[in-house]
Amino acid sequence: MARQAGIKIVVSHRSGETNDDFIADFAVAVGADFVKFGAPARGERVAKYNRLLAISNELKSLQTK
């Protein structure tokens, strides 16, 4: 619905979050244009960026098969 209206999708975390990295999976699943996790300076943020990298690697390996 948002994409059809020309609206960019941004998935953002809340401050005080845990190390749960599900939000990275969610961002990929909804086809988000951007994520807003903050600077990778704390463990909970690094976990989310690491998960995005892992998903990217998984998708690349599926494309080469």
N, C-alpha and C. Protein backbone atom coordinates (compact mmCIF):
# COMPACT_ATOMS: atom_id res chain seq x y z
N MET A 1 0.82 -1.18 0.00
CA MET A 1 0.00 0.00 0.00
C MET A 1 0.88 1.26 0.00
N ALA A 2 1.86 1.31 0.89
CA ALA A 2 2.74 2.49 0.95
C ALA A 2 3.53 2.63 -0.34
N ARG A 3 4.07 1.52 -0.83
CA ARG A 3 4.87 1.56 -2.05
C ARG A 3 4.03 2.01 -3.23
N GLN A 4 2.79 1.55 -3.31
CA GLN A 4 1.90 1.96 -4.40
C GLN A 4 1.64 3.46 -4.36
N ALA A 5 1.69 4.04 -3.18
CA ALA A 5 1.47 5.48 -3.02
C ALA A 5 2.77 6.27 -3.17
N GLY A 6 3.88 5.58 -3.47
CA GLY A 6 5.15 6.26 -3.65
C GLY A 6 5.84 6.64 -2.36
N ILE A 7 5.45 5.99 -1.27
CA ILE A 7 6.02 6.29 0.04
C ILE A 7 7.14 5.30 0.33
N LYS A 8 8.29 5.81 0.77
CA LYS A 8 9.42 4.96 1.14
C LYS A 8 9.12 4.29 2.47
N ILE A 9 9.57 3.04 2.61
CA ILE A 9 9.35 2.28 3.83
C ILE A 9 10.63 2.30 4.66
N VAL A 10 10.50 2.75 5.91
CA VAL A 10 11.63 2.80 6.84
C VAL A 10 11.26 1.95 8.06
N VAL A 11 12.11 0.98 8.38
CA VAL A 11 11.92 0.17 9.58
C VAL A 11 12.91 0.69 10.62
N SER A 12 12.41 1.02 11.80
CA SER A 12 13.24 1.65 12.82
C SER A 12 13.10 0.91 14.15
N HIS A 13 14.20 0.83 14.89
CA HIS A 13 14.15 0.21 16.21
C HIS A 13 13.89 1.28 17.26
N ARG A 14 13.60 0.86 18.45
CA ARG A 14 13.36 1.79 19.57
C ARG A 14 14.57 1.76 20.48
N SER A 15 14.87 2.88 21.08
CA SER A 15 15.99 2.90 22.02
C SER A 15 15.66 2.01 23.21
N GLY A 16 16.68 1.42 23.78
CA GLY A 16 16.48 0.52 24.91
C GLY A 16 16.11 -0.88 24.49
N GLU A 17 16.36 -1.23 23.22
CA GLU A 17 16.02 -2.56 22.73
C GLU A 17 16.98 -3.61 23.25
N THR A 18 16.66 -4.85 22.97
CA THR A 18 17.50 -5.99 23.35
C THR A 18 18.36 -6.40 22.15
N ASN A 19 19.10 -7.48 22.31
CA ASN A 19 19.93 -8.00 21.22
C ASN A 19 19.12 -8.79 20.20
N ASP A 20 17.82 -8.86 20.36
CA ASP A 20 16.97 -9.57 19.41
C ASP A 20 17.10 -8.91 18.04
N ASP A 21 17.43 -9.72 17.03
CA ASP A 21 17.68 -9.18 15.69
C ASP A 21 16.52 -9.41 14.72
N PHE A 22 15.36 -9.78 15.23
CA PHE A 22 14.20 -10.04 14.37
C PHE A 22 13.85 -8.87 13.47
N ILE A 23 14.06 -7.65 13.93
CA ILE A 23 13.68 -6.47 13.15
C ILE A 23 14.41 -6.43 11.81
N ALA A 24 15.61 -6.99 11.75
CA ALA A 24 16.34 -7.05 10.47
C ALA A 24 15.61 -7.98 9.51
N ASP A 25 15.17 -9.13 10.00
CA ASP A 25 14.39 -10.06 9.17
C ASP A 25 13.09 -9.40 8.71
N PHE A 26 12.46 -8.68 9.61
CA PHE A 26 11.21 -7.99 9.28
C PHE A 26 11.43 -6.95 8.18
N ALA A 27 12.51 -6.18 8.29
CA ALA A 27 12.81 -5.15 7.29
C ALA A 27 12.99 -5.77 5.91
N VAL A 28 13.68 -6.89 5.84
CA VAL A 28 13.87 -7.56 4.55
C VAL A 28 12.55 -8.12 4.05
N ALA A 29 11.78 -8.72 4.94
CA ALA A 29 10.50 -9.33 4.55
C ALA A 29 9.52 -8.32 3.97
N VAL A 30 9.50 -7.11 4.51
CA VAL A 30 8.57 -6.10 4.00
C VAL A 30 9.16 -5.29 2.86
N GLY A 31 10.43 -5.58 2.51
CA GLY A 31 11.07 -4.85 1.42
C GLY A 31 11.35 -3.40 1.76
N ALA A 32 11.75 -3.15 2.99
CA ALA A 32 12.01 -1.78 3.43
C ALA A 32 13.09 -1.12 2.58
N ASP A 33 12.90 0.15 2.30
CA ASP A 33 13.90 0.92 1.57
C ASP A 33 15.07 1.31 2.47
N PHE A 34 14.78 1.51 3.73
CA PHE A 34 15.80 1.93 4.69
C PHE A 34 15.54 1.26 6.03
N VAL A 35 16.61 1.14 6.82
CA VAL A 35 16.49 0.74 8.23
C VAL A 35 17.12 1.83 9.07
N LYS A 36 16.63 1.98 10.27
CA LYS A 36 17.17 2.98 11.19
C LYS A 36 17.43 2.29 12.52
N PHE A 37 18.66 1.79 12.65
CA PHE A 37 19.04 1.08 13.87
C PHE A 37 20.01 1.90 14.72
N GLY A 38 20.46 3.03 14.22
CA GLY A 38 21.45 3.84 14.94
C GLY A 38 22.86 3.40 14.60
N ALA A 39 23.83 4.13 15.14
CA ALA A 39 25.24 3.81 14.89
C ALA A 39 25.57 2.46 15.50
N PRO A 40 26.39 1.66 14.82
CA PRO A 40 26.73 0.33 15.35
C PRO A 40 27.73 0.41 16.50
N ALA A 41 27.33 1.06 17.56
CA ALA A 41 28.23 1.30 18.69
C ALA A 41 27.88 0.45 19.91
N ARG A 42 26.69 -0.12 19.95
CA ARG A 42 26.28 -0.92 21.10
C ARG A 42 25.84 -2.29 20.61
N GLY A 43 25.89 -3.27 21.50
CA GLY A 43 25.61 -4.65 21.15
C GLY A 43 24.29 -4.88 20.45
N GLU A 44 23.23 -4.25 20.94
CA GLU A 44 21.91 -4.49 20.34
C GLU A 44 21.84 -3.95 18.92
N ARG A 45 22.57 -2.91 18.63
CA ARG A 45 22.58 -2.37 17.27
C ARG A 45 23.46 -3.22 16.35
N VAL A 46 24.61 -3.61 16.86
CA VAL A 46 25.52 -4.44 16.07
C VAL A 46 24.84 -5.75 15.68
N ALA A 47 24.07 -6.32 16.58
CA ALA A 47 23.36 -7.57 16.30
C ALA A 47 22.42 -7.41 15.11
N LYS A 48 21.75 -6.29 15.02
CA LYS A 48 20.81 -6.05 13.92
C LYS A 48 21.55 -5.90 12.60
N TYR A 49 22.65 -5.14 12.59
CA TYR A 49 23.43 -4.98 11.36
C TYR A 49 24.08 -6.31 10.95
N ASN A 50 24.56 -7.08 11.92
CA ASN A 50 25.14 -8.39 11.60
C ASN A 50 24.10 -9.30 10.97
N ARG A 51 22.87 -9.23 11.46
CA ARG A 51 21.80 -10.05 10.88
C ARG A 51 21.51 -9.63 9.45
N LEU A 52 21.51 -8.31 9.18
CA LEU A 52 21.31 -7.84 7.80
C LEU A 52 22.41 -8.38 6.89
N LEU A 53 23.65 -8.39 7.37
CA LEU A 53 24.75 -8.94 6.57
C LEU A 53 24.56 -10.43 6.31
N ALA A 54 24.12 -11.15 7.33
CA ALA A 54 23.89 -12.59 7.17
C ALA A 54 22.78 -12.85 6.16
N ILE A 55 21.71 -12.08 6.22
CA ILE A 55 20.61 -12.23 5.27
C ILE A 55 21.11 -11.93 3.86
N SER A 56 21.89 -10.87 3.71
CA SER A 56 22.45 -10.51 2.41
C SER A 56 23.28 -11.65 1.84
N ASN A 57 24.12 -12.24 2.67
CA ASN A 57 24.95 -13.37 2.23
C ASN A 57 24.09 -14.57 1.84
N GLU A 58 23.05 -14.84 2.61
CA GLU A 58 22.15 -15.96 2.30
C GLU A 58 21.46 -15.74 0.95
N LEU A 59 20.99 -14.52 0.72
CA LEU A 59 20.31 -14.22 -0.54
C LEU A 59 21.27 -14.30 -1.72
N LYS A 60 22.50 -13.84 -1.54
CA LYS A 60 23.50 -13.93 -2.61
C LYS A 60 23.81 -15.37 -2.95
N SER A 61 23.93 -16.22 -1.93
CA SER A 61 24.24 -17.63 -2.19
C SER A 61 23.08 -18.32 -2.90
N LEU A 62 21.86 -17.91 -2.63
CA LEU A 62 20.71 -18.49 -3.34
C LEU A 62 20.68 -18.06 -4.80
N GLN A 63 21.15 -16.86 -5.10
CA GLN A 63 21.16 -16.35 -6.47
C GLN A 63 22.20 -17.05 -7.33
N THR A 64 23.28 -17.53 -6.73
CA THR A 64 24.35 -18.16 -7.50
C THR A 64 24.11 -19.64 -7.73
N LYS A 65 23.05 -20.19 -7.19
CA LYS A 65 22.76 -21.62 -7.38
C LYS A 65 21.95 -21.84 -8.62
